[in-house]
């Protein structure tokens, strides 16, 4: 651990940072920041909830608990099939009780999930500093609304691009509260995963030499036809005669309809996995021939790695302008099949629109400055003219 050089540094090192994580995806973005903060001398803890606590999705709370030297607090905020508003209310109740006993100096949340919104509301009402990671993004679902709500609730913002920064500023945030650090998960992808692709295949029983990756999440504003979208998508992938590793979708409304279609896939060409450790997933991506679906990994991480991706539907609408991302509707089967044949195995030029893999060090540079901790909790709407 780094030793304090003066009284001011010593005060900073006593700061307690709490990271709120509800899914495998947000943990992959929060972990690099937590590791860097711990190395810089901050005290680290995790509030673990959401999908992490569910066996169906791999009980990934165990993955969070592999973080050495942190404190962990677990909370079950949902049962299978709970409505989003019910999950939100449970999260608020649980996190509020937690903060009555533990008052961290900074709560770090990510993105647009229900758990993040619940934590942001509780922090705002209890006057606890909160940092929002990757605000200012645009997408084609209810996620965008929740993300912008978090922007207004949180006291500081760590965005991933200049475009995202401009959107946060347009929501009335002062520039002294907004910091462009890049996407944190790119830090992990930038470096060797520490394992071989052979180890990945052995651990997750992946029999394919050549494979693509598929992640298709529900779109909460398209529940009426999300099942048919999944049917058309996976039918097309079967017709491609290619092999695919399928990661199960998150637990938003509509996930059952997608999983029903996944369960129909022939196991000789589709390996279905509930969840993966992040470094294993990173190595899997680095050796894949294509990525298909509507995960943010396809429009952000894949371009950074140089992996071609096909973005299906509206969920990531307008989120990436990378030349390696190709958009397609699930219903455009002939177009999808043509794109798979055209892009399969092609190496794309690395895209660094969402950062260069230095998000963690940028984050530490900000929170190591006393000015950051002096930001007022009384926010005002700031007009930029």
Protein backbone atom coordinates (compact mmCIF):
# COMPACT_ATOMS: atom_id res chain seq x y z
CA UNK A 1 0.00 0.00 0.00
CA UNK A 2 1.21 3.48 -0.83
CA UNK A 3 2.41 5.50 2.19
CA UNK A 4 1.03 9.03 2.77
CA UNK A 5 3.53 11.81 2.07
CA UNK A 6 1.77 14.49 4.12
CA UNK A 7 -1.25 15.16 6.33
CA UNK A 8 -3.50 15.87 3.34
CA UNK A 9 -2.59 12.53 1.73
CA UNK A 10 -3.18 10.74 5.03
CA UNK A 11 -6.69 12.20 5.24
CA UNK A 12 -7.44 10.99 1.72
CA UNK A 13 -6.23 7.50 2.54
CA UNK A 14 -8.76 7.25 5.34
CA UNK A 15 -11.59 7.77 2.85
CA UNK A 16 -13.98 4.83 2.53
CA UNK A 17 -15.22 3.98 -0.96
CA UNK A 18 -18.27 1.76 -1.37
CA UNK A 19 -18.91 0.18 -4.78
CA UNK A 20 -22.50 -0.90 -5.47
CA UNK A 21 -22.70 -3.85 -7.87
CA UNK A 22 -25.74 -5.75 -9.09
CA UNK A 23 -24.55 -7.58 -12.22
CA UNK A 24 -21.55 -9.33 -13.76
CA UNK A 25 -21.37 -6.48 -16.29
CA UNK A 26 -21.15 -3.55 -13.90
CA UNK A 27 -18.62 -5.39 -11.72
CA UNK A 28 -16.33 -5.72 -14.74
CA UNK A 29 -16.35 -1.93 -14.95
CA UNK A 30 -16.09 -1.22 -11.23
CA UNK A 31 -13.35 -3.71 -10.36
CA UNK A 32 -10.48 -1.84 -12.13
CA UNK A 33 -11.45 1.37 -10.31
CA UNK A 34 -11.66 -0.41 -6.94
CA UNK A 35 -8.28 -2.09 -7.44
CA UNK A 36 -6.61 1.19 -8.33
CA UNK A 37 -8.25 2.99 -5.40
CA UNK A 38 -7.14 0.27 -3.00
CA UNK A 39 -3.58 0.48 -4.32
CA UNK A 40 -3.70 4.26 -3.80
CA UNK A 41 -4.60 3.73 -0.15
CA UNK A 42 -8.39 4.10 -0.03
CA UNK A 43 -10.52 1.68 1.99
CA UNK A 44 -12.70 -0.44 -0.30
CA UNK A 45 -16.01 -2.22 0.26
CA UNK A 46 -18.74 -3.68 -1.93
CA UNK A 47 -22.52 -3.71 -1.59
CA UNK A 48 -23.48 -6.85 -3.53
CA UNK A 49 -27.05 -7.34 -4.72
CA UNK A 50 -29.18 -7.95 -7.83
CA UNK A 51 -28.26 -10.73 -10.25
CA UNK A 52 -25.12 -11.50 -8.24
CA UNK A 53 -27.30 -13.17 -5.61
CA UNK A 54 -29.21 -15.44 -8.02
CA UNK A 55 -28.08 -19.02 -8.67
CA UNK A 56 -29.65 -19.00 -12.13
CA UNK A 57 -27.12 -16.40 -13.27
CA UNK A 58 -24.10 -18.14 -11.79
CA UNK A 59 -24.28 -16.67 -8.26
CA UNK A 60 -21.60 -14.18 -9.27
CA UNK A 61 -21.44 -12.70 -5.77
CA UNK A 62 -18.67 -15.26 -5.33
CA UNK A 63 -16.71 -13.57 -8.10
CA UNK A 64 -16.95 -10.21 -6.29
CA UNK A 65 -15.78 -11.86 -3.07
CA UNK A 66 -12.55 -12.86 -4.79
CA UNK A 67 -11.46 -9.22 -4.41
CA UNK A 68 -8.72 -9.33 -1.75
CA UNK A 69 -8.69 -6.90 1.16
CA UNK A 70 -12.21 -5.48 0.83
CA UNK A 71 -15.32 -5.67 3.00
CA UNK A 72 -18.47 -7.21 1.52
CA UNK A 73 -22.13 -6.63 2.27
CA UNK A 74 -24.76 -8.77 0.56
CA UNK A 75 -28.45 -8.03 0.07
CA UNK A 76 -31.12 -10.01 -1.78
CA UNK A 77 -33.32 -7.43 -3.50
CA UNK A 78 -35.45 -9.66 -5.73
CA UNK A 79 -37.01 -12.98 -6.54
CA UNK A 80 -37.45 -14.48 -10.00
CA UNK A 81 -40.16 -12.57 -11.85
CA UNK A 82 -40.29 -9.49 -9.59
CA UNK A 83 -41.36 -6.31 -11.37
CA UNK A 84 -38.78 -3.57 -11.82
CA UNK A 85 -40.59 -1.10 -9.56
CA UNK A 86 -40.77 -3.71 -6.80
CA UNK A 87 -37.04 -4.42 -7.15
CA UNK A 88 -36.36 -0.68 -6.94
CA UNK A 89 -38.39 -0.32 -3.75
CA UNK A 90 -36.64 -3.31 -2.14
CA UNK A 91 -33.25 -1.91 -3.12
CA UNK A 92 -34.04 1.46 -1.59
CA UNK A 93 -35.19 -0.15 1.66
CA UNK A 94 -32.16 -2.41 1.92
CA UNK A 95 -29.59 0.20 0.97
CA UNK A 96 -31.17 2.77 3.29
CA UNK A 97 -30.91 0.35 6.22
CA UNK A 98 -27.29 -0.31 5.26
CA UNK A 99 -26.39 3.39 5.19
CA UNK A 100 -27.90 3.89 8.64
CA UNK A 101 -25.08 1.70 9.97
CA UNK A 102 -22.34 2.41 7.42
CA UNK A 103 -21.75 5.88 6.07
CA UNK A 104 -19.03 5.66 3.40
CA UNK A 105 -17.30 8.79 2.17
CA UNK A 106 -18.13 7.99 -1.45
CA UNK A 107 -20.60 5.58 -3.04
CA UNK A 108 -19.64 4.53 -6.57
CA UNK A 109 -22.42 3.32 -8.88
CA UNK A 110 -22.44 2.38 -12.52
CA UNK A 111 -24.75 3.09 -15.40
CA UNK A 112 -28.44 2.45 -15.57
CA UNK A 113 -29.53 -0.59 -13.58
CA UNK A 114 -32.23 -0.60 -10.91
CA UNK A 115 -29.65 -1.19 -8.17
CA UNK A 116 -27.72 1.89 -9.23
CA UNK A 117 -30.87 4.03 -9.25
CA UNK A 118 -31.88 2.82 -5.79
CA UNK A 119 -28.44 3.58 -4.37
CA UNK A 120 -28.34 7.01 -6.03
CA UNK A 121 -31.72 7.95 -4.56
CA UNK A 122 -30.67 6.90 -1.05
CA UNK A 123 -27.35 8.78 -1.30
CA UNK A 124 -29.02 11.96 -2.51
CA UNK A 125 -31.61 11.92 0.28
CA UNK A 126 -28.97 11.20 2.93
CA UNK A 127 -26.39 13.71 1.66
CA UNK A 128 -23.68 11.18 0.92
CA UNK A 129 -21.33 11.80 -1.99
CA UNK A 130 -21.98 9.52 -4.95
CA UNK A 131 -19.99 9.04 -8.15
CA UNK A 132 -21.75 7.91 -11.33
CA UNK A 133 -19.68 5.87 -13.77
CA UNK A 134 -20.52 6.06 -17.51
CA UNK A 135 -23.33 8.58 -17.40
CA UNK A 136 -24.34 10.52 -20.49
CA UNK A 137 -24.71 7.44 -22.70
CA UNK A 138 -27.58 6.96 -25.13
CA UNK A 139 -29.41 3.72 -25.83
CA UNK A 140 -32.74 2.47 -27.09
CA UNK A 141 -34.50 1.35 -23.91
CA UNK A 142 -35.68 2.39 -20.45
CA UNK A 143 -32.02 2.18 -19.43
CA UNK A 144 -31.37 5.60 -20.90
CA UNK A 145 -34.03 7.21 -18.71
CA UNK A 146 -32.63 5.58 -15.59
CA UNK A 147 -29.10 6.58 -16.56
CA UNK A 148 -30.04 10.25 -16.90
CA UNK A 149 -31.91 10.06 -13.57
CA UNK A 150 -28.68 8.86 -11.95
CA UNK A 151 -26.86 11.81 -13.48
CA UNK A 152 -29.18 14.25 -11.72
CA UNK A 153 -29.03 12.33 -8.43
CA UNK A 154 -25.25 11.81 -8.18
CA UNK A 155 -22.78 14.42 -7.02
CA UNK A 156 -19.99 13.62 -9.51
CA UNK A 157 -19.67 11.98 -12.90
CA UNK A 158 -16.97 9.84 -14.51
CA UNK A 159 -17.92 9.56 -18.17
CA UNK A 160 -16.37 7.50 -20.94
CA UNK A 161 -16.26 9.90 -23.90
CA UNK A 162 -16.38 13.54 -24.91
CA UNK A 163 -19.87 13.02 -26.34
CA UNK A 164 -21.07 11.61 -23.01
CA UNK A 165 -19.54 14.56 -21.19
CA UNK A 166 -21.46 17.00 -23.38
CA UNK A 167 -24.73 15.20 -22.64
CA UNK A 168 -24.11 15.32 -18.90
CA UNK A 169 -23.34 19.03 -19.14
CA UNK A 170 -26.54 19.54 -21.15
CA UNK A 171 -28.46 18.03 -18.21
CA UNK A 172 -27.36 21.02 -16.13
CA UNK A 173 -24.29 19.60 -14.41
CA UNK A 174 -21.35 21.90 -13.72
CA UNK A 175 -18.10 21.06 -15.52
CA UNK A 176 -16.28 20.86 -12.17
CA UNK A 177 -18.29 17.69 -11.44
CA UNK A 178 -17.69 15.88 -14.76
CA UNK A 179 -14.54 13.91 -15.63
CA UNK A 180 -13.86 11.97 -18.83
CA UNK A 181 -11.84 8.94 -17.77
CA UNK A 182 -12.82 6.45 -20.50
CA UNK A 183 -14.55 3.09 -20.08
CA UNK A 184 -13.08 1.21 -17.07
CA UNK A 185 -13.47 -2.30 -18.49
CA UNK A 186 -11.09 -1.38 -21.31
CA UNK A 187 -8.32 -1.26 -18.71
CA UNK A 188 -8.70 -5.01 -18.27
CA UNK A 189 -8.92 -5.73 -22.01
CA UNK A 190 -5.77 -3.68 -22.63
CA UNK A 191 -3.61 -6.07 -20.63
CA UNK A 192 -3.08 -9.83 -20.92
CA UNK A 193 -5.88 -11.76 -19.21
CA UNK A 194 -3.42 -13.95 -17.34
CA UNK A 195 -4.92 -17.14 -18.73
CA UNK A 196 -4.85 -18.95 -22.07
CA UNK A 197 -7.79 -19.59 -24.38
CA UNK A 198 -7.22 -23.30 -23.72
CA UNK A 199 -7.83 -22.69 -20.01
CA UNK A 200 -11.01 -20.77 -20.84
CA UNK A 201 -12.32 -23.57 -23.02
CA UNK A 202 -11.51 -26.17 -20.41
CA UNK A 203 -13.17 -24.31 -17.52
CA UNK A 204 -16.37 -23.55 -19.46
CA UNK A 205 -16.43 -26.76 -21.52
CA UNK A 206 -16.28 -24.99 -24.88
CA UNK A 207 -15.56 -27.61 -27.55
CA UNK A 208 -15.15 -25.26 -30.54
CA UNK A 209 -11.89 -24.26 -32.19
CA UNK A 210 -13.58 -21.45 -34.09
CA UNK A 211 -16.54 -19.62 -32.54
CA UNK A 212 -18.58 -16.45 -32.27
CA UNK A 213 -20.07 -14.91 -29.11
CA UNK A 214 -23.77 -14.14 -28.69
CA UNK A 215 -25.35 -11.99 -25.97
CA UNK A 216 -28.95 -10.92 -26.50
CA UNK A 217 -30.68 -9.02 -23.69
CA UNK A 218 -34.36 -8.08 -23.32
CA UNK A 219 -35.45 -4.63 -24.43
CA UNK A 220 -38.01 -3.54 -21.85
CA UNK A 221 -39.87 -1.27 -24.28
CA UNK A 222 -40.28 -4.12 -26.79
CA UNK A 223 -41.70 -6.88 -24.59
CA UNK A 224 -44.46 -7.73 -27.07
CA UNK A 225 -42.04 -8.94 -29.71
CA UNK A 226 -38.79 -9.67 -27.86
CA UNK A 227 -39.59 -13.38 -28.05
CA UNK A 228 -40.02 -13.29 -31.82
CA UNK A 229 -36.84 -11.24 -32.17
CA UNK A 230 -34.97 -13.94 -30.26
CA UNK A 231 -36.57 -16.64 -32.40
CA UNK A 232 -35.50 -14.98 -35.66
CA UNK A 233 -32.02 -14.22 -34.34
CA UNK A 234 -31.21 -17.73 -33.14
CA UNK A 235 -32.80 -19.32 -36.21
CA UNK A 236 -30.45 -17.25 -38.35
CA UNK A 237 -27.45 -18.26 -36.24
CA UNK A 238 -28.41 -21.93 -36.68
CA UNK A 239 -28.65 -21.42 -40.43
CA UNK A 240 -25.17 -19.88 -40.52
CA UNK A 241 -23.64 -23.31 -39.70
CA UNK A 242 -21.18 -21.54 -37.38
CA UNK A 243 -20.39 -22.34 -33.74
CA UNK A 244 -21.38 -19.91 -30.99
CA UNK A 245 -20.84 -19.38 -27.28
CA UNK A 246 -24.08 -17.96 -25.86
CA UNK A 247 -24.04 -15.98 -22.60
CA UNK A 248 -27.43 -15.85 -20.90
CA UNK A 249 -29.21 -12.47 -20.89
CA UNK A 250 -29.67 -10.29 -17.83
CA UNK A 251 -32.81 -10.58 -15.70
CA UNK A 252 -34.87 -7.72 -17.10
CA UNK A 253 -38.53 -8.34 -18.00
CA UNK A 254 -38.65 -10.47 -21.15
CA UNK A 255 -35.65 -12.63 -20.33
CA UNK A 256 -37.78 -15.79 -20.09
CA UNK A 257 -38.85 -15.41 -23.71
CA UNK A 258 -35.24 -15.19 -24.82
CA UNK A 259 -34.14 -18.12 -22.66
CA UNK A 260 -36.98 -20.22 -24.12
CA UNK A 261 -35.43 -19.75 -27.57
CA UNK A 262 -31.92 -20.39 -26.27
CA UNK A 263 -33.09 -23.69 -24.78
CA UNK A 264 -34.05 -24.85 -28.29
CA UNK A 265 -30.52 -24.49 -29.65
CA UNK A 266 -28.59 -27.64 -30.68
CA UNK A 267 -25.82 -28.23 -28.11
CA UNK A 268 -23.36 -29.45 -30.73
CA UNK A 269 -22.99 -25.91 -32.13
CA UNK A 270 -24.12 -23.69 -29.25
CA UNK A 271 -22.46 -23.68 -25.84
CA UNK A 272 -24.74 -21.85 -23.38
CA UNK A 273 -23.09 -20.32 -20.29
CA UNK A 274 -24.92 -18.45 -17.48
CA UNK A 275 -21.99 -16.14 -16.70
CA UNK A 276 -18.20 -15.90 -16.95
CA UNK A 277 -15.38 -14.45 -14.90
CA UNK A 278 -14.31 -11.18 -16.48
CA UNK A 279 -10.74 -12.17 -17.36
CA UNK A 280 -12.02 -15.40 -18.91
CA UNK A 281 -14.60 -13.44 -20.90
CA UNK A 282 -11.90 -11.02 -22.04
CA UNK A 283 -9.75 -13.87 -23.34
CA UNK A 284 -12.80 -15.43 -25.00
CA UNK A 285 -13.47 -12.15 -26.85
CA UNK A 286 -9.85 -11.76 -27.91
CA UNK A 287 -9.99 -15.15 -29.65
CA UNK A 288 -13.52 -14.98 -31.09
CA UNK A 289 -14.37 -14.63 -34.78
CA UNK A 290 -17.37 -12.32 -34.30
CA UNK A 291 -19.76 -10.92 -31.69
CA UNK A 292 -23.53 -10.82 -32.21
CA UNK A 293 -26.34 -9.40 -30.08
CA UNK A 294 -27.26 -6.23 -28.22
CA UNK A 295 -24.82 -6.12 -25.32
CA UNK A 296 -22.74 -3.00 -24.71
CA UNK A 297 -19.73 -5.32 -25.04
CA UNK A 298 -20.45 -5.50 -28.76
CA UNK A 299 -20.36 -1.74 -29.32
CA UNK A 300 -17.64 -0.78 -26.87
CA UNK A 301 -15.34 -3.64 -25.88
CA UNK A 302 -15.38 -5.47 -29.22
CA UNK A 303 -14.24 -2.38 -31.19
CA UNK A 304 -11.46 -1.77 -28.66
CA UNK A 305 -10.25 -5.35 -29.11
CA UNK A 306 -10.63 -5.20 -32.91
CA UNK A 307 -13.40 -7.80 -32.99
CA UNK A 308 -16.15 -7.25 -35.61
CA UNK A 309 -19.64 -7.12 -34.15
CA UNK A 310 -23.23 -7.17 -35.34
CA UNK A 311 -25.52 -5.02 -33.21
CA UNK A 312 -29.06 -6.44 -33.22
CA UNK A 313 -32.09 -4.20 -32.78
CA UNK A 314 -32.51 -0.96 -30.85
CA UNK A 315 -30.96 -1.58 -27.42
CA UNK A 316 -27.61 0.07 -28.27
CA UNK A 317 -29.11 2.59 -30.67
CA UNK A 318 -26.68 5.46 -31.45
CA UNK A 319 -24.21 4.30 -28.81
CA UNK A 320 -21.24 3.64 -31.09
CA UNK A 321 -19.98 5.03 -34.36
CA UNK A 322 -17.18 2.49 -34.75
CA UNK A 323 -16.61 1.19 -38.27
CA UNK A 324 -16.36 -2.36 -36.87
CA UNK A 325 -19.98 -2.33 -35.62
CA UNK A 326 -22.69 -3.28 -38.11
CA UNK A 327 -26.38 -2.80 -37.29
CA UNK A 328 -29.10 -5.24 -38.21
CA UNK A 329 -32.66 -6.08 -37.18
CA UNK A 330 -33.29 -9.59 -35.89
CA UNK A 331 -35.91 -9.90 -38.61
CA UNK A 332 -33.42 -9.15 -41.42
CA UNK A 333 -32.27 -12.73 -41.64
CA UNK A 334 -30.62 -12.58 -45.06
CA UNK A 335 -28.70 -9.42 -44.10
CA UNK A 336 -27.61 -11.00 -40.83
CA UNK A 337 -26.38 -14.16 -42.55
CA UNK A 338 -24.49 -12.11 -45.14
CA UNK A 339 -22.83 -10.06 -42.39
CA UNK A 340 -21.77 -13.19 -40.50
CA UNK A 341 -20.14 -14.63 -43.62
CA UNK A 342 -18.50 -11.32 -44.51
CA UNK A 343 -17.17 -10.46 -41.03
CA UNK A 344 -16.33 -13.86 -39.60
CA UNK A 345 -12.71 -13.95 -38.45
CA UNK A 346 -11.90 -10.50 -39.79
CA UNK A 347 -9.53 -8.39 -37.71
CA UNK A 348 -10.65 -4.79 -37.32
CA UNK A 349 -8.59 -1.72 -36.48
CA UNK A 350 -8.68 -0.89 -32.77
CA UNK A 351 -11.21 1.80 -31.88
CA UNK A 352 -10.45 4.03 -28.89
CA UNK A 353 -13.57 6.20 -28.89
CA UNK A 354 -14.30 5.08 -25.32
CA UNK A 355 -10.81 5.44 -23.95
CA UNK A 356 -7.31 4.03 -24.16
CA UNK A 357 -7.41 1.67 -21.19
CA UNK A 358 -6.34 4.23 -18.58
CA UNK A 359 -9.66 4.82 -16.83
CA UNK A 360 -8.50 3.61 -13.42
CA UNK A 361 -5.47 5.89 -13.26
CA UNK A 362 -7.61 8.81 -14.47
CA UNK A 363 -10.14 8.01 -11.73
CA UNK A 364 -7.43 8.00 -9.06
CA UNK A 365 -6.04 11.31 -10.27
CA UNK A 366 -9.45 12.88 -9.66
CA UNK A 367 -10.31 11.38 -6.28
CA UNK A 368 -6.78 12.01 -4.97
CA UNK A 369 -7.39 15.74 -5.30
CA UNK A 370 -8.81 17.49 -2.25
CA UNK A 371 -10.94 19.69 -4.52
CA UNK A 372 -13.00 16.63 -5.46
CA UNK A 373 -13.97 16.03 -1.83
CA UNK A 374 -14.98 19.64 -1.41
CA UNK A 375 -17.71 19.49 -4.06
CA UNK A 376 -20.95 20.73 -2.55
CA UNK A 377 -23.75 18.23 -2.04
CA UNK A 378 -26.20 21.03 -2.82
CA UNK A 379 -26.34 20.90 -6.59
CA UNK A 380 -27.69 23.64 -8.83
CA UNK A 381 -28.82 23.48 -12.43
CA UNK A 382 -26.04 25.09 -14.43
CA UNK A 383 -26.89 26.61 -17.81
CA UNK A 384 -24.11 26.44 -20.37
CA UNK A 385 -25.75 29.02 -22.60
